[in-house]
PDB file of N, CA and C in Angstrom:
ATOM      1  N   MET A   1      88.494 121.914  88.496  1.00  0.00           N
ATOM      2  CA  MET A   1      88.654 120.812  87.568  1.00  0.00           C
ATOM      3  C   MET A   1      87.350 120.016  87.552  1.00  0.00           C
ATOM      4  N   ASN A   2      86.815 119.750  86.360  1.00  0.00           N
ATOM      5  CA  ASN A   2      85.566 119.005  86.294  1.00  0.00           C
ATOM      6  C   ASN A   2      85.822 117.503  86.384  1.00  0.00           C
ATOM      7  N   SER A   3      84.735 116.754  86.501  1.00  0.00           N
ATOM      8  CA  SER A   3      84.887 115.312  86.703  1.00  0.00           C
ATOM      9  C   SER A   3      85.428 114.582  85.480  1.00  0.00           C
ATOM     10  N   GLY A   4      85.366 115.206  84.291  1.00  0.00           N
ATOM     11  CA  GLY A   4      85.853 114.561  83.086  1.00  0.00           C
ATOM     12  C   GLY A   4      87.339 114.729  82.858  1.00  0.00           C
ATOM     13  N   SER A   5      87.988 115.586  83.632  1.00  0.00           N
ATOM     14  CA  SER A   5      89.411 115.828  83.408  1.00  0.00           C
ATOM     15  C   SER A   5      90.236 115.156  84.493  1.00  0.00           C
ATOM     16  N   ARG A   6      91.525 115.052  84.228  1.00  0.00           N
ATOM     17  CA  ARG A   6      92.418 114.463  85.222  1.00  0.00           C
ATOM     18  C   ARG A   6      93.707 115.259  85.241  1.00  0.00           C
ATOM     19  N   LYS A   7      94.377 115.167  86.355  1.00  0.00           N
ATOM     20  CA  LYS A   7      95.654 115.856  86.509  1.00  0.00           C
ATOM     21  C   LYS A   7      96.727 115.047  85.791  1.00  0.00           C
ATOM     22  N   LEU A   8      97.520 115.746  84.995  1.00  0.00           N
ATOM     23  CA  LEU A   8      98.588 115.068  84.268  1.00  0.00           C
ATOM     24  C   LEU A   8      99.849 115.023  85.111  1.00  0.00           C
ATOM     25  N   GLY A   9     100.480 113.869  85.130  1.00  0.00           N
ATOM     26  CA  GLY A   9     101.744 113.703  85.833  1.00  0.00           C
ATOM     27  C   GLY A   9     102.900 113.698  84.852  1.00  0.00           C
ATOM     28  N   ILE A  10     104.095 113.552  85.384  1.00  0.00           N
ATOM     29  CA  ILE A  10     105.306 113.523  84.559  1.00  0.00           C
ATOM     30  C   ILE A  10     105.205 112.419  83.504  1.00  0.00           C
ATOM     31  N   ASN A  11     104.737 111.250  83.906  1.00  0.00           N
ATOM     32  CA  ASN A  11     104.575 110.121  82.986  1.00  0.00           C
ATOM     33  C   ASN A  11     103.732 110.520  81.773  1.00  0.00           C
ATOM     34  N   HIS A  12     102.653 111.269  82.027  1.00  0.00           N
ATOM     35  CA  HIS A  12     101.768 111.691  80.945  1.00  0.00           C
ATOM     36  C   HIS A  12     102.459 112.670  80.002  1.00  0.00           C
ATOM     37  N   TYR A  13     103.223 113.591  80.561  1.00  0.00           N
ATOM     38  CA  TYR A  13     103.939 114.546  79.707  1.00  0.00           C
ATOM     39  C   TYR A  13     104.994 113.833  78.859  1.00  0.00           C
ATOM     40  N   VAL A  14     105.607 112.799  79.414  1.00  0.00           N
ATOM     41  CA  VAL A  14     106.588 112.019  78.643  1.00  0.00           C
ATOM     42  C   VAL A  14     105.874 111.288  77.502  1.00  0.00           C
ATOM     43  N   ILE A  15     104.711 110.712  77.771  1.00  0.00           N
ATOM     44  CA  ILE A  15     103.931 110.042  76.722  1.00  0.00           C
ATOM     45  C   ILE A  15     103.583 111.030  75.614  1.00  0.00           C
ATOM     46  N   ILE A  16     103.149 112.216  75.990  1.00  0.00           N
ATOM     47  CA  ILE A  16     102.811 113.248  75.001  1.00  0.00           C
ATOM     48  C   ILE A  16     104.033 113.616  74.174  1.00  0.00           C
ATOM     49  N   LEU A  17     105.154 113.864  74.830  1.00  0.00           N
ATOM     50  CA  LEU A  17     106.383 114.254  74.132  1.00  0.00           C
ATOM     51  C   LEU A  17     106.870 113.153  73.187  1.00  0.00           C
ATOM     52  N   LEU A  18     106.900 111.924  73.659  1.00  0.00           N
ATOM     53  CA  LEU A  18     107.356 110.808  72.827  1.00  0.00           C
ATOM     54  C   LEU A  18     106.438 110.597  71.622  1.00  0.00           C
ATOM     55  N   THR A  19     105.134 110.726  71.848  1.00  0.00           N
ATOM     56  CA  THR A  19     104.186 110.556  70.745  1.00  0.00           C
ATOM     57  C   THR A  19     104.337 111.659  69.711  1.00  0.00           C
ATOM     58  N   LEU A  20     104.466 112.899  70.174  1.00  0.00           N
ATOM     59  CA  LEU A  20     104.654 114.009  69.233  1.00  0.00           C
ATOM     60  C   LEU A  20     105.961 113.860  68.465  1.00  0.00           C
ATOM     61  N   ALA A  21     106.991 113.354  69.131  1.00  0.00           N
ATOM     62  CA  ALA A  21     108.284 113.157  68.464  1.00  0.00           C
ATOM     63  C   ALA A  21     108.163 112.121  67.353  1.00  0.00           C
ATOM     64  N   THR A  22     107.592 110.962  67.657  1.00  0.00           N
ATOM     65  CA  THR A  22     107.501 109.922  66.627  1.00  0.00           C
ATOM     66  C   THR A  22     106.524 110.311  65.524  1.00  0.00           C
ATOM     67  N   ALA A  23     105.427 110.990  65.878  1.00  0.00           N
ATOM     68  CA  ALA A  23     104.489 111.453  64.848  1.00  0.00           C
ATOM     69  C   ALA A  23     105.164 112.480  63.940  1.00  0.00           C
ATOM     70  N   GLY A  24     105.923 113.391  64.533  1.00  0.00           N
ATOM     71  CA  GLY A  24     106.631 114.401  63.743  1.00  0.00           C
ATOM     72  C   GLY A  24     107.657 113.787  62.810  1.00  0.00           C
ATOM     73  N   ILE A  25     108.382 112.803  63.307  1.00  0.00           N
ATOM     74  CA  ILE A  25     109.377 112.124  62.470  1.00  0.00           C
ATOM     75  C   ILE A  25     108.684 111.411  61.310  1.00  0.00           C
ATOM     76  N   HIS A  26     107.613 110.681  61.600  1.00  0.00           N
ATOM     77  CA  HIS A  26     106.913 109.958  60.534  1.00  0.00           C
ATOM     78  C   HIS A  26     106.271 110.913  59.531  1.00  0.00           C
ATOM     79  N   LEU A  27     105.781 112.038  60.002  1.00  0.00           N
ATOM     80  CA  LEU A  27     105.167 113.008  59.095  1.00  0.00           C
ATOM     81  C   LEU A  27     106.207 113.631  58.173  1.00  0.00           C
ATOM     82  N   SER A  28     107.404 113.827  58.681  1.00  0.00           N
ATOM     83  CA  SER A  28     108.437 114.481  57.878  1.00  0.00           C
ATOM     84  C   SER A  28     109.168 113.517  56.943  1.00  0.00           C
ATOM     85  N   LEU A  29     109.090 112.226  57.205  1.00  0.00           N
ATOM     86  CA  LEU A  29     109.795 111.241  56.376  1.00  0.00           C
ATOM     87  C   LEU A  29     109.113 111.068  55.026  1.00  0.00           C
ATOM     88  N   LEU A  30     109.880 111.181  53.991  1.00  0.00           N
ATOM     89  CA  LEU A  30     109.413 110.925  52.631  1.00  0.00           C
ATOM     90  C   LEU A  30     108.080 111.595  52.323  1.00  0.00           C
ATOM     91  N   PHE A  31     107.863 112.781  52.896  1.00  0.00           N
ATOM     92  CA  PHE A  31     106.610 113.500  52.664  1.00  0.00           C
ATOM     93  C   PHE A  31     106.412 113.672  51.176  1.00  0.00           C
ATOM     94  N   PRO A  32     105.309 113.382  50.591  1.00  0.00           N
ATOM     95  CA  PRO A  32     104.003 113.017  51.149  1.00  0.00           C
ATOM     96  C   PRO A  32     103.681 111.524  51.060  1.00  0.00           C
ATOM     97  N   ASP A  33     104.585 110.653  51.461  1.00  0.00           N
ATOM     98  CA  ASP A  33     104.342 109.209  51.432  1.00  0.00           C
ATOM     99  C   ASP A  33     103.150 108.868  52.327  1.00  0.00           C
ATOM    100  N   LEU A  34     102.141 108.233  51.746  1.00  0.00           N
ATOM    101  CA  LEU A  34     100.888 107.958  52.446  1.00  0.00           C
ATOM    102  C   LEU A  34     101.082 107.093  53.692  1.00  0.00           C
ATOM    103  N   MET A  35     101.939 106.086  53.625  1.00  0.00           N
ATOM    104  CA  MET A  35     102.142 105.189  54.763  1.00  0.00           C
ATOM    105  C   MET A  35     102.668 105.952  55.985  1.00  0.00           C
ATOM    106  N   PHE A  36     103.646 106.825  55.774  1.00  0.00           N
ATOM    107  CA  PHE A  36     104.207 107.594  56.884  1.00  0.00           C
ATOM    108  C   PHE A  36     103.205 108.625  57.404  1.00  0.00           C
ATOM    109  N   MET A  37     102.450 109.246  56.489  1.00  0.00           N
ATOM    110  CA  MET A  37     101.446 110.224  56.917  1.00  0.00           C
ATOM    111  C   MET A  37     100.356 109.557  57.746  1.00  0.00           C
ATOM    112  N   LEU A  38      99.892 108.393  57.313  1.00  0.00           N
ATOM    113  CA  LEU A  38      98.863 107.678  58.072  1.00  0.00           C
ATOM    114  C   LEU A  38      99.386 107.226  59.430  1.00  0.00           C
ATOM    115  N   ASN A  39     100.648 106.848  59.486  1.00  0.00           N
ATOM    116  CA  ASN A  39     101.239 106.458  60.762  1.00  0.00           C
ATOM    117  C   ASN A  39     101.242 107.646  61.724  1.00  0.00           C
ATOM    118  N   ALA A  40     101.639 108.809  61.230  1.00  0.00           N
ATOM    119  CA  ALA A  40     101.647 110.011  62.069  1.00  0.00           C
ATOM    120  C   ALA A  40     100.235 110.351  62.536  1.00  0.00           C
ATOM    121  N   ILE A  41      99.264 110.272  61.633  1.00  0.00           N
ATOM    122  CA  ILE A  41      97.871 110.557  61.996  1.00  0.00           C
ATOM    123  C   ILE A  41      97.373 109.542  63.022  1.00  0.00           C
ATOM    124  N   GLY A  42      97.765 108.287  62.881  1.00  0.00           N
ATOM    125  CA  GLY A  42      97.386 107.267  63.857  1.00  0.00           C
ATOM    126  C   GLY A  42      97.910 107.587  65.245  1.00  0.00           C
ATOM    127  N   TYR A  43      99.181 107.984  65.320  1.00  0.00           N
ATOM    128  CA  TYR A  43      99.755 108.363  66.615  1.00  0.00           C
ATOM    129  C   TYR A  43      99.012 109.551  67.221  1.00  0.00           C
ATOM    130  N   LEU A  44      98.752 110.574  66.424  1.00  0.00           N
ATOM    131  CA  LEU A  44      98.082 111.770  66.943  1.00  0.00           C
ATOM    132  C   LEU A  44      96.643 111.471  67.367  1.00  0.00           C
ATOM    133  N   THR A  45      95.969 110.607  66.627  1.00  0.00           N
ATOM    134  CA  THR A  45      94.600 110.222  66.987  1.00  0.00           C
ATOM    135  C   THR A  45      94.580 109.452  68.303  1.00  0.00           C
ATOM    136  N   LEU A  46      95.473 108.489  68.444  1.00  0.00           N
ATOM    137  CA  LEU A  46      95.533 107.723  69.693  1.00  0.00           C
ATOM    138  C   LEU A  46      95.919 108.609  70.873  1.00  0.00           C
ATOM    139  N   LEU A  47      96.813 109.562  70.651  1.00  0.00           N
ATOM    140  CA  LEU A  47      97.184 110.500  71.711  1.00  0.00           C
ATOM    141  C   LEU A  47      95.966 111.305  72.155  1.00  0.00           C
ATOM    142  N   ALA A  48      95.189 111.799  71.189  1.00  0.00           N
ATOM    143  CA  ALA A  48      93.985 112.563  71.522  1.00  0.00           C
ATOM    144  C   ALA A  48      92.975 111.697  72.270  1.00  0.00           C
ATOM    145  N   LEU A  49      92.743 110.489  71.791  1.00  0.00           N
ATOM    146  CA  LEU A  49      91.802 109.590  72.465  1.00  0.00           C
ATOM    147  C   LEU A  49      92.261 109.259  73.883  1.00  0.00           C
ATOM    148  N   TYR A  50      93.554 109.189  74.076  1.00  0.00           N
ATOM    149  CA  TYR A  50      94.104 108.823  75.382  1.00  0.00           C
ATOM    150  C   TYR A  50      93.957 109.939  76.411  1.00  0.00           C
ATOM    151  N   PHE A  51      94.062 111.189  75.958  1.00  0.00           N
ATOM    152  CA  PHE A  51      94.099 112.291  76.915  1.00  0.00           C
ATOM    153  C   PHE A  51      92.897 113.227  76.900  1.00  0.00           C
ATOM    154  N   LEU A  52      92.083 113.229  75.857  1.00  0.00           N
ATOM    155  CA  LEU A  52      90.947 114.145  75.840  1.00  0.00           C
ATOM    156  C   LEU A  52      89.978 113.819  76.974  1.00  0.00           C
ATOM    157  N   PRO A  53      89.536 114.848  77.698  1.00  0.00           N
ATOM    158  CA  PRO A  53      88.624 114.612  78.831  1.00  0.00           C
ATOM    159  C   PRO A  53      87.169 114.462  78.373  1.00  0.00           C
ATOM    160  N   VAL A  54      86.912 113.461  77.556  1.00  0.00           N
ATOM    161  CA  VAL A  54      85.563 113.193  77.065  1.00  0.00           C
ATOM    162  C   VAL A  54      84.986 112.055  77.905  1.00  0.00           C
ATOM    163  N   PRO A  55      83.896 112.314  78.629  1.00  0.00           N
ATOM    164  CA  PRO A  55      83.340 111.276  79.509  1.00  0.00           C
ATOM    165  C   PRO A  55      83.088 109.947  78.796  1.00  0.00           C
ATOM    166  N   PHE A  56      82.611 109.990  77.561  1.00  0.00           N
ATOM    167  CA  PHE A  56      82.351 108.762  76.804  1.00  0.00           C
ATOM    168  C   PHE A  56      83.615 107.919  76.648  1.00  0.00           C
ATOM    169  N   LEU A  57      84.754 108.579  76.461  1.00  0.00           N
ATOM    170  CA  LEU A  57      86.013 107.862  76.247  1.00  0.00           C
ATOM    171  C   LEU A  57      86.601 107.286  77.531  1.00  0.00           C
ATOM    172  N   ARG A  58      86.237 107.843  78.688  1.00  0.00           N
ATOM    173  CA  ARG A  58      86.826 107.405  79.957  1.00  0.00           C
ATOM    174  C   ARG A  58      86.610 105.915  80.197  1.00  0.00           C
ATOM    175  N   LYS A  59      85.433 105.406  79.847  1.00  0.00           N
ATOM    176  CA  LYS A  59      85.178 103.986  80.113  1.00  0.00           C
ATOM    177  C   LYS A  59      85.959 103.066  79.179  1.00  0.00           C
ATOM    178  N   TYR A  60      86.503 103.627  78.113  1.00  0.00           N
ATOM    179  CA  TYR A  60      87.308 102.849  77.166  1.00  0.00           C
ATOM    180  C   TYR A  60      88.799 103.152  77.282  1.00  0.00           C
ATOM    181  N   HIS A  61      89.192 103.824  78.364  1.00  0.00           N
ATOM    182  CA  HIS A  61      90.583 104.262  78.495  1.00  0.00           C
ATOM    183  C   HIS A  61      91.570 103.089  78.432  1.00  0.00           C
ATOM    184  N   ALA A  62      91.266 102.003  79.104  1.00  0.00           N
ATOM    185  CA  ALA A  62      92.175 100.840  79.086  1.00  0.00           C
ATOM    186  C   ALA A  62      92.276 100.263  77.676  1.00  0.00           C
ATOM    187  N   LEU A  63      91.167 100.216  76.963  1.00  0.00           N
ATOM    188  CA  LEU A  63      91.175  99.712  75.591  1.00  0.00           C
ATOM    189  C   LEU A  63      92.006 100.624  74.679  1.00  0.00           C
ATOM    190  N   VAL A  64      91.853 101.933  74.845  1.00  0.00           N
ATOM    191  CA  VAL A  64      92.640 102.888  74.056  1.00  0.00           C
ATOM    192  C   VAL A  64      94.122 102.717  74.376  1.00  0.00           C
ATOM    193  N   ARG A  65      94.435 102.530  75.649  1.00  0.00           N
ATOM    194  CA  ARG A  65      95.834 102.332  76.056  1.00  0.00           C
ATOM    195  C   ARG A  65      96.430 101.107  75.369  1.00  0.00           C
ATOM    196  N   TRP A  66      95.703  99.995  75.366  1.00  0.00           N
ATOM    197  CA  TRP A  66      96.202  98.781  74.716  1.00  0.00           C
ATOM    198  C   TRP A  66      96.277  98.947  73.201  1.00  0.00           C
ATOM    199  N   ALA A  67      95.334  99.680  72.617  1.00  0.00           N
ATOM    200  CA  ALA A  67      95.395  99.961  71.173  1.00  0.00           C
ATOM    201  C   ALA A  67      96.622 100.810  70.846  1.00  0.00           C
ATOM    202  N   PHE A  68      96.916 101.783  71.707  1.00  0.00           N
ATOM    203  CA  PHE A  68      98.090 102.656  71.550  1.00  0.00           C
ATOM    204  C   PHE A  68      99.373 101.814  71.613  1.00  0.00           C
ATOM    205  N   ILE A  69      99.448 100.931  72.595  1.00  0.00           N
ATOM    206  CA  ILE A  69     100.614 100.043  72.722  1.00  0.00           C
ATOM    207  C   ILE A  69     100.713  99.139  71.494  1.00  0.00           C
ATOM    208  N   GLY A  70      99.602  98.551  71.082  1.00  0.00           N
ATOM    209  CA  GLY A  70      99.595  97.667  69.921  1.00  0.00           C
ATOM    210  C   GLY A  70      99.999  98.379  68.642  1.00  0.00           C
ATOM    211  N   PHE A  71      99.481  99.579  68.436  1.00  0.00           N
ATOM    212  CA  PHE A  71      99.830 100.371  67.251  1.00  0.00           C
ATOM    213  C   PHE A  71     101.332 100.638  67.214  1.00  0.00           C
ATOM    214  N   THR A  72     101.883 100.977  68.364  1.00  0.00           N
ATOM    215  CA  THR A  72     103.316 101.257  68.442  1.00  0.00           C
ATOM    216  C   THR A  72     104.130  99.996  68.164  1.00  0.00           C
ATOM    217  N   LEU A  73     103.704  98.866  68.707  1.00  0.00           N
ATOM    218  CA  LEU A  73     104.414  97.605  68.455  1.00  0.00           C
ATOM    219  C   LEU A  73     104.320  97.177  66.987  1.00  0.00           C
ATOM    220  N   VAL A  74     103.185  97.436  66.351  1.00  0.00           N
ATOM    221  CA  VAL A  74     103.050  97.134  64.919  1.00  0.00           C
ATOM    222  C   VAL A  74     103.990  98.022  64.109  1.00  0.00           C
ATOM    223  N   THR A  75     104.096  99.288  64.494  1.00  0.00           N
ATOM    224  CA  THR A  75     105.009 100.209  63.807  1.00  0.00           C
ATOM    225  C   THR A  75     106.455  99.730  63.930  1.00  0.00           C
ATOM    226  N   ILE A  76     106.844  99.310  65.128  1.00  0.00           N
ATOM    227  CA  ILE A  76     108.201  98.791  65.338  1.00  0.00           C
ATOM    228  C   ILE A  76     108.414  97.530  64.498  1.00  0.00           C
ATOM    229  N   SER A  77     107.432  96.639  64.505  1.00  0.00           N
ATOM    230  CA  SER A  77     107.534  95.390  63.734  1.00  0.00           C
ATOM    231  C   SER A  77     107.645  95.662  62.239  1.00  0.00           C
ATOM    232  N   ALA A  78     106.877  96.622  61.748  1.00  0.00           N
ATOM    233  CA  ALA A  78     106.938  96.966  60.324  1.00  0.00           C
ATOM    234  C   ALA A  78     108.331  97.462  59.951  1.00  0.00           C
ATOM    235  N   TRP A  79     108.927  98.270  60.820  1.00  0.00           N
ATOM    236  CA  TRP A  79     110.287  98.751  60.546  1.00  0.00           C
ATOM    237  C   TRP A  79     111.274  97.576  60.541  1.00  0.00           C
ATOM    238  N   LEU A  80     111.097  96.647  61.480  1.00  0.00           N
ATOM    239  CA  LEU A  80     111.985  95.480  61.518  1.00  0.00           C
ATOM    240  C   LEU A  80     111.886  94.661  60.231  1.00  0.00           C
ATOM    241  N   LEU A  81     110.685  94.606  59.653  1.00  0.00           N
ATOM    242  CA  LEU A  81     110.476  93.824  58.434  1.00  0.00           C
ATOM    243  C   LEU A  81     110.905  94.555  57.162  1.00  0.00           C
ATOM    244  N   ILE A  82     110.571  95.847  57.054  1.00  0.00           N
ATOM    245  CA  ILE A  82     110.793  96.542  55.779  1.00  0.00           C
ATOM    246  C   ILE A  82     111.553  97.854  55.893  1.00  0.00           C
ATOM    247  N   GLY A  83     111.944  98.241  57.096  1.00  0.00           N
ATOM    248  CA  GLY A  83     112.594  99.539  57.280  1.00  0.00           C
ATOM    249  C   GLY A  83     114.049  99.567  56.846  1.00  0.00           C
ATOM    250  N   ASP A  84     114.562 100.774  56.679  1.00  0.00           N
ATOM    251  CA  ASP A  84     115.967 100.991  56.315  1.00  0.00           C
ATOM    252  C   ASP A  84     116.819 100.844  57.569  1.00  0.00           C
ATOM    253  N   LYS A  85     117.582  99.772  57.634  1.00  0.00           N
ATOM    254  CA  LYS A  85     118.427  99.525  58.798  1.00  0.00           C
ATOM    255  C   LYS A  85     119.903  99.749  58.489  1.00  0.00           C
ATOM    256  N   SER A  86     120.183 100.410  57.363  1.00  0.00           N
ATOM    257  CA  SER A  86     121.579 100.700  57.014  1.00  0.00           C
ATOM    258  C   SER A  86     122.137 101.755  57.971  1.00  0.00           C
ATOM    259  N   TRP A  87     123.452 101.816  58.038  1.00  0.00           N
ATOM    260  CA  TRP A  87     124.092 102.810  58.904  1.00  0.00           C
ATOM    261  C   TRP A  87     125.085 103.584  58.075  1.00  0.00           C
ATOM    262  N   PRO A  88     125.118 104.881  58.104  1.00  0.00           N
ATOM    263  CA  PRO A  88     124.324 105.799  58.916  1.00  0.00           C
ATOM    264  C   PRO A  88     123.023 106.243  58.260  1.00  0.00           C
ATOM    265  N   GLY A  89     122.753 105.781  57.027  1.00  0.00           N
ATOM    266  CA  GLY A  89     121.553 106.233  56.319  1.00  0.00           C
ATOM    267  C   GLY A  89     120.258 105.997  57.069  1.00  0.00           C
ATOM    268  N   GLY A  90     120.149 104.891  57.764  1.00  0.00           N
ATOM    269  CA  GLY A  90     118.926 104.561  58.488  1.00  0.00           C
ATOM    270  C   GLY A  90     118.972 104.894  59.967  1.00  0.00           C
ATOM    271  N   ALA A  91     119.903 105.747  60.357  1.00  0.00           N
ATOM    272  CA  ALA A  91     120.074 106.081  61.780  1.00  0.00           C
ATOM    273  C   ALA A  91     118.798 106.638  62.402  1.00  0.00           C
ATOM    274  N   LEU A  92     118.058 107.437  61.637  1.00  0.00           N
ATOM    275  CA  LEU A  92     116.824 108.008  62.179  1.00  0.00           C
ATOM    276  C   LEU A  92     115.822 106.911  62.532  1.00  0.00           C
ATOM    277  N   GLY A  93     115.848 105.811  61.798  1.00  0.00           N
ATOM    278  CA  GLY A  93     114.972 104.685  62.121  1.00  0.00           C
ATOM    279  C   GLY A  93     115.282 104.106  63.492  1.00  0.00           C
ATOM    280  N   TYR A  94     116.560 103.960  63.800  1.00  0.00           N
ATOM    281  CA  TYR A  94     116.957 103.451  65.118  1.00  0.00           C
ATOM    282  C   TYR A  94     116.537 104.411  66.228  1.00  0.00           C
ATOM    283  N   ILE A  95     116.712 105.694  65.982  1.00  0.00           N
ATOM    284  CA  ILE A  95     116.319 106.707  66.974  1.00  0.00           C
ATOM    285  C   ILE A  95     114.809 106.666  67.184  1.00  0.00           C
ATOM    286  N   THR A  96     114.071 106.601  66.081  1.00  0.00           N
ATOM    287  CA  THR A  96     112.610 106.562  66.173  1.00  0.00           C
ATOM    288  C   THR A  96     112.139 105.312  66.904  1.00  0.00           C
ATOM    289  N   LYS A  97     112.770 104.177  66.643  1.00  0.00           N
ATOM    290  CA  LYS A  97     112.365 102.947  67.331  1.00  0.00           C
ATOM    291  C   LYS A  97     112.681 103.029  68.822  1.00  0.00           C
ATOM    292  N   ALA A  98     113.781 103.683  69.188  1.00  0.00           N
ATOM    293  CA  ALA A  98     114.096 103.882  70.611  1.00  0.00           C
ATOM    294  C   ALA A  98     113.009 104.729  71.268  1.00  0.00           C
ATOM    295  N   VAL A  99     112.564 105.776  70.578  1.00  0.00           N
ATOM    296  CA  VAL A  99     111.476 106.622  71.083  1.00  0.00           C
ATOM    297  C   VAL A  99     110.218 105.779  71.257  1.00  0.00           C
ATOM    298  N   GLU A 100     109.926 104.928  70.283  1.00  0.00           N
ATOM    299  CA  GLU A 100     108.717 104.111  70.343  1.00  0.00           C
ATOM    300  C   GLU A 100     108.791 103.035  71.429  1.00  0.00           C
ATOM    301  N   VAL A 101     109.953 102.461  71.651  1.00  0.00           N
ATOM    302  CA  VAL A 101     110.103 101.497  72.751  1.00  0.00           C
ATOM    303  C   VAL A 101     109.855 102.203  74.084  1.00  0.00           C
ATOM    304  N   LEU A 102     110.402 103.394  74.237  1.00  0.00           N
ATOM    305  CA  LEU A 102     110.142 104.172  75.458  1.00  0.00           C
ATOM    306  C   LEU A 102     108.658 104.485  75.590  1.00  0.00           C
ATOM    307  N   LEU A 103     108.009 104.815  74.487  1.00  0.00           N
ATOM    308  CA  LEU A 103     106.574 105.096  74.512  1.00  0.00           C
ATOM    309  C   LEU A 103     105.796 103.877  75.006  1.00  0.00           C
ATOM    310  N   VAL A 104     106.130 102.702  74.517  1.00  0.00           N
ATOM    311  CA  VAL A 104     105.460 101.472  74.968  1.00  0.00           C
ATOM    312  C   VAL A 104     105.672 101.277  76.468  1.00  0.00           C
ATOM    313  N   ILE A 105     106.882 101.501  76.940  1.00  0.00           N
ATOM    314  CA  ILE A 105     107.183 101.334  78.368  1.00  0.00           C
ATOM    315  C   ILE A 105     106.356 102.302  79.205  1.00  0.00           C
ATOM    316  N   PHE A 106     106.324 103.572  78.803  1.00  0.00           N
ATOM    317  CA  PHE A 106     105.567 104.565  79.576  1.00  0.00           C
ATOM    318  C   PHE A 106     104.065 104.299  79.508  1.00  0.00           C
ATOM    319  N   LEU A 107     103.559 103.870  78.365  1.00  0.00           N
ATOM    320  CA  LEU A 107     102.140 103.524  78.272  1.00  0.00           C
ATOM    321  C   LEU A 107     101.828 102.297  79.127  1.00  0.00           C
ATOM    322  N   PHE A 108     102.707 101.318  79.095  1.00  0.00           N
ATOM    323  CA  PHE A 108     102.487 100.103  79.879  1.00  0.00           C
ATOM    324  C   PHE A 108     102.438 100.408  81.374  1.00  0.00           C
ATOM    325  N   THR A 109     103.285 101.326  81.832  1.00  0.00           N
ATOM    326  CA  THR A 109     103.320 101.648  83.263  1.00  0.00           C
ATOM    327  C   THR A 109     102.221 102.616  83.682  1.00  0.00           C
ATOM    328  N   ASP A 110     101.499 103.183  82.737  1.00  0.00           N
ATOM    329  CA  ASP A 110     100.429 104.138  83.057  1.00  0.00           C
ATOM    330  C   ASP A 110      99.107 103.396  83.234  1.00  0.00           C
ATOM    331  N   ARG A 111      98.997 102.690  84.336  1.00  0.00           N
ATOM    332  CA  ARG A 111      97.823 101.841  84.578  1.00  0.00           C
ATOM    333  C   ARG A 111      96.788 102.459  85.505  1.00  0.00           C
ATOM    334  N   GLN A 112      97.107 103.553  86.159  1.00  0.00           N
ATOM    335  CA  GLN A 112      96.233 104.060  87.212  1.00  0.00           C
ATOM    336  C   GLN A 112      94.903 104.575  86.707  1.00  0.00           C
ATOM    337  N   SER A 113      94.793 104.927  85.428  1.00  0.00           N
ATOM    338  CA  SER A 113      93.542 105.530  84.962  1.00  0.00           C
ATOM    339  C   SER A 113      92.579 104.503  84.443  1.00  0.00           C
TER     340      SER A 113
END
């Protein structure tokens, strides 16, 4: 293992899974709606920045982590303001927000790097 890489733990795999889940949901919603597509691309970009073993990015890891948390909180807030909260029609929104809340929790607890 080179100095630019790190060993992934369970927490990291959960972050990856949760991010891929929410990005996939946003990408599939109302395709090709630009807002949902950009949201999915934002999640995938932040995931790559968070885990890619690029030495230049290592010194900004904490900043990327906070940006990832902030992006997720903005997404949750946007849904609270303009999202479909009807039941059962908007059920996927509730599921997606639960995934995103878990993502924030796992990102918040991933402080060791």
